[in-house]
């Protein structure tokens, strides 16, 4: 630090900051490791503060938004998401900022998209040491394929039930016809005796 003297000179003072620099480097290393992990995960991850401002998003979240991280961090959710997407999430945002962990299914593509995608969203409140809500963590997992499989299974079950009903009806008709033929044969046999 340079301190001016009244007679025009100056005094330089030095402070030992090695420990502070090591701590800063350790924090940067930790952040880099966390970023590597979250960017490699097949899920959309973000952190939103109590004012609904994005403070963190991982690379898959950037790709989903179609924007670089620099255009998202520090901006409010309602500025980043479409009005439709924001409106669908708002009740869950309020619950998370109220201290409740919430999970819900949500469409990840705009309504009317030819190939809709669906996600399972989880909002987990972040509490400070004083238990005050500081924001919430979000995790969005793509469940589109799981939904397609469930729909296909449901359709297959419905088709199977329909086929069983059709076969049962056909067997019932055949059985009734057979019973009628047996009854007619008995009448003929009785008449011939």
Protein backbone atom coordinates (compact mmCIF):
# COMPACT_ATOMS: atom_id res chain seq x y z
CA UNK A 1 0.00 0.00 0.00
CA UNK A 2 1.36 3.46 -0.89
CA UNK A 3 0.71 6.22 1.68
CA UNK A 4 1.64 9.85 0.82
CA UNK A 5 3.69 11.85 3.33
CA UNK A 6 3.07 15.55 4.10
CA UNK A 7 6.53 16.56 2.82
CA UNK A 8 5.90 15.00 -0.63
CA UNK A 9 7.39 11.57 -0.04
CA UNK A 10 5.50 8.35 0.49
CA UNK A 11 5.64 5.27 2.66
CA UNK A 12 5.07 1.79 1.30
CA UNK A 13 3.54 -0.80 3.60
CA UNK A 14 3.27 -4.49 2.84
CA UNK A 15 0.90 -7.10 4.24
CA UNK A 16 1.34 -10.86 4.09
CA UNK A 17 -1.50 -12.17 1.89
CA UNK A 18 -0.22 -15.64 1.03
CA UNK A 19 -2.92 -17.40 3.06
CA UNK A 20 -5.67 -15.27 1.50
CA UNK A 21 -4.33 -16.08 -2.00
CA UNK A 22 -4.23 -19.80 -1.15
CA UNK A 23 -7.82 -19.63 0.07
CA UNK A 24 -8.92 -17.78 -3.08
CA UNK A 25 -7.17 -20.38 -5.25
CA UNK A 26 -8.79 -23.22 -3.28
CA UNK A 27 -12.22 -21.63 -3.81
CA UNK A 28 -11.56 -21.24 -7.55
CA UNK A 29 -10.43 -24.89 -7.73
CA UNK A 30 -13.55 -26.00 -5.86
CA UNK A 31 -15.79 -23.98 -8.15
CA UNK A 32 -14.04 -25.45 -11.20
CA UNK A 33 -14.58 -29.00 -9.89
CA UNK A 34 -18.25 -28.33 -9.14
CA UNK A 35 -18.67 -26.84 -12.62
CA UNK A 36 -17.04 -29.93 -14.21
CA UNK A 37 -19.42 -32.22 -12.34
CA UNK A 38 -22.62 -30.24 -12.94
CA UNK A 39 -21.81 -29.65 -16.63
CA UNK A 40 -21.30 -33.39 -17.14
CA UNK A 41 -24.62 -34.35 -15.55
CA UNK A 42 -27.54 -35.14 -17.86
CA UNK A 43 -29.79 -32.72 -15.99
CA UNK A 44 -30.54 -29.01 -16.01
CA UNK A 45 -29.18 -27.47 -12.79
CA UNK A 46 -29.51 -23.91 -11.58
CA UNK A 47 -29.52 -21.79 -8.46
CA UNK A 48 -31.98 -18.93 -8.11
CA UNK A 49 -31.77 -16.39 -5.27
CA UNK A 50 -34.68 -15.07 -3.18
CA UNK A 51 -35.30 -12.30 -5.71
CA UNK A 52 -35.71 -14.95 -8.43
CA UNK A 53 -32.37 -14.05 -10.06
CA UNK A 54 -30.26 -16.77 -11.62
CA UNK A 55 -26.93 -17.09 -9.80
CA UNK A 56 -25.78 -20.36 -11.38
CA UNK A 57 -26.71 -22.51 -14.39
CA UNK A 58 -24.89 -25.54 -15.76
CA UNK A 59 -24.02 -26.12 -19.42
CA UNK A 60 -27.10 -28.30 -20.19
CA UNK A 61 -29.27 -25.49 -18.79
CA UNK A 62 -27.53 -23.00 -21.12
CA UNK A 63 -28.18 -25.30 -24.10
CA UNK A 64 -31.84 -25.70 -23.15
CA UNK A 65 -32.27 -21.93 -22.86
CA UNK A 66 -30.30 -21.39 -26.07
CA UNK A 67 -28.30 -18.63 -24.38
CA UNK A 68 -24.80 -18.27 -22.97
CA UNK A 69 -24.41 -18.16 -19.21
CA UNK A 70 -23.42 -14.47 -19.32
CA UNK A 71 -26.89 -13.58 -20.67
CA UNK A 72 -28.64 -15.39 -17.81
CA UNK A 73 -26.67 -14.89 -14.59
CA UNK A 74 -28.01 -11.99 -12.54
CA UNK A 75 -31.29 -11.79 -14.49
CA UNK A 76 -34.71 -12.57 -13.07
CA UNK A 77 -36.50 -15.77 -14.09
CA UNK A 78 -39.34 -13.81 -15.68
CA UNK A 79 -36.80 -12.05 -17.94
CA UNK A 80 -35.09 -15.27 -19.01
CA UNK A 81 -38.01 -17.68 -19.40
CA UNK A 82 -40.89 -17.15 -21.80
CA UNK A 83 -44.04 -15.78 -20.11
CA UNK A 84 -45.69 -19.18 -20.61
CA UNK A 85 -42.81 -21.10 -18.97
CA UNK A 86 -42.52 -18.62 -16.13
CA UNK A 87 -46.26 -18.71 -15.41
CA UNK A 88 -46.24 -22.53 -15.21
CA UNK A 89 -43.36 -22.51 -12.72
CA UNK A 90 -44.44 -19.55 -10.59
CA UNK A 91 -46.60 -21.48 -8.05
CA UNK A 92 -43.69 -23.86 -7.41
CA UNK A 93 -41.20 -20.99 -7.15
CA UNK A 94 -43.40 -19.40 -4.45
CA UNK A 95 -43.57 -22.70 -2.57
CA UNK A 96 -39.77 -23.18 -2.74
CA UNK A 97 -39.16 -19.61 -1.58
CA UNK A 98 -41.65 -20.35 1.21
CA UNK A 99 -39.35 -23.13 2.43
CA UNK A 100 -40.98 -26.18 0.82
CA UNK A 101 -39.18 -28.71 -1.38
CA UNK A 102 -41.36 -29.37 -4.42
CA UNK A 103 -41.26 -31.81 -7.32
CA UNK A 104 -43.52 -31.61 -10.33
CA UNK A 105 -43.74 -32.68 -13.95
CA UNK A 106 -43.65 -29.95 -16.53
CA UNK A 107 -43.52 -29.60 -20.29
CA UNK A 108 -40.04 -28.48 -21.38
CA UNK A 109 -41.12 -27.40 -24.85
CA UNK A 110 -43.61 -24.72 -25.81
CA UNK A 111 -47.23 -25.85 -26.02
CA UNK A 112 -48.09 -27.11 -29.48
CA UNK A 113 -44.54 -28.22 -30.31
CA UNK A 114 -44.59 -31.22 -32.69
CA UNK A 115 -42.37 -33.29 -30.37
CA UNK A 116 -43.11 -32.24 -26.78
CA UNK A 117 -40.51 -32.94 -24.13
CA UNK A 118 -41.29 -33.37 -20.45
CA UNK A 119 -39.23 -32.94 -17.32
CA UNK A 120 -39.37 -33.73 -13.65
CA UNK A 121 -38.48 -30.52 -11.84
CA UNK A 122 -37.33 -30.39 -8.23
CA UNK A 123 -36.95 -27.09 -6.36
CA UNK A 124 -35.05 -27.34 -3.07
CA UNK A 125 -34.95 -24.29 -0.75
CA UNK A 126 -31.56 -22.94 0.35
CA UNK A 127 -31.59 -21.79 3.95
CA UNK A 128 -29.00 -19.55 5.56
CA UNK A 129 -27.55 -20.05 9.02
CA UNK A 130 -30.44 -18.02 10.45
CA UNK A 131 -32.91 -20.42 8.64
CA UNK A 132 -33.96 -17.58 6.29
CA UNK A 133 -34.56 -18.69 2.69
CA UNK A 134 -31.71 -17.42 0.50
CA UNK A 135 -32.98 -18.98 -2.73
CA UNK A 136 -33.50 -22.43 -4.19
CA UNK A 137 -31.69 -25.07 -6.20
CA UNK A 138 -33.35 -26.49 -9.29
CA UNK A 139 -32.89 -29.86 -10.92
CA UNK A 140 -34.72 -30.66 -14.17
CA UNK A 141 -34.49 -34.19 -15.51
CA UNK A 142 -35.82 -35.14 -18.95
CA UNK A 143 -38.55 -37.76 -18.53
CA UNK A 144 -39.84 -37.64 -22.11
CA UNK A 145 -38.78 -41.20 -22.94
CA UNK A 146 -40.20 -42.51 -19.66
CA UNK A 147 -43.54 -40.83 -20.49
CA UNK A 148 -43.52 -42.28 -24.02
CA UNK A 149 -42.87 -45.76 -22.65
CA UNK A 150 -45.66 -45.35 -20.07
CA UNK A 151 -48.07 -44.20 -22.80
CA UNK A 152 -47.06 -47.15 -25.02
CA UNK A 153 -47.59 -49.58 -22.12
CA UNK A 154 -50.97 -48.03 -21.37
CA UNK A 155 -51.98 -48.36 -25.03
CA UNK A 156 -50.72 -51.97 -25.14
CA UNK A 157 -52.72 -52.78 -21.99
CA UNK A 158 -55.84 -51.16 -23.46
CA UNK A 159 -55.38 -53.14 -26.69
CA UNK A 160 -54.84 -56.34 -24.73
CA UNK A 161 -57.98 -55.72 -22.65
CA UNK A 162 -59.97 -55.01 -25.83
CA UNK A 163 -58.68 -58.21 -27.46
CA UNK A 164 -59.49 -60.25 -24.35
CA UNK A 165 -63.02 -58.79 -24.32
CA UNK A 166 -63.46 -59.57 -28.03
CA UNK A 167 -62.20 -63.15 -27.58
CA UNK A 168 -64.34 -63.64 -24.50
CA UNK A 169 -67.40 -62.40 -26.40
CA UNK A 170 -66.60 -64.68 -29.36
CA UNK A 171 -66.14 -67.69 -27.04
CA UNK A 172 -69.37 -66.84 -25.23
CA UNK A 173 -71.26 -66.74 -28.56
CA UNK A 174 -69.62 -70.01 -29.67
CA UNK A 175 -70.43 -71.64 -26.33
CA UNK A 176 -74.07 -70.48 -26.56
CA UNK A 177 -74.32 -71.89 -30.11
CA UNK A 178 -72.77 -75.18 -28.95
CA UNK A 179 -75.20 -75.38 -26.02
CA UNK A 180 -78.08 -74.76 -28.42
CA UNK A 181 -76.86 -77.53 -30.77
CA UNK A 182 -76.52 -79.93 -27.83
CA UNK A 183 -80.04 -79.08 -26.70
CA UNK A 184 -81.38 -79.62 -30.26
CA UNK A 185 -79.59 -83.01 -30.53
CA UNK A 186 -81.07 -84.10 -27.22
CA UNK A 187 -84.55 -83.15 -28.46
CA UNK A 188 -84.00 -85.13 -31.65
CA UNK A 189 -82.66 -88.15 -29.72
CA UNK A 190 -85.61 -87.97 -27.36
CA UNK A 191 -88.05 -87.75 -30.27
CA UNK A 192 -86.46 -90.78 -31.99
CA UNK A 193 -86.74 -93.01 -28.93
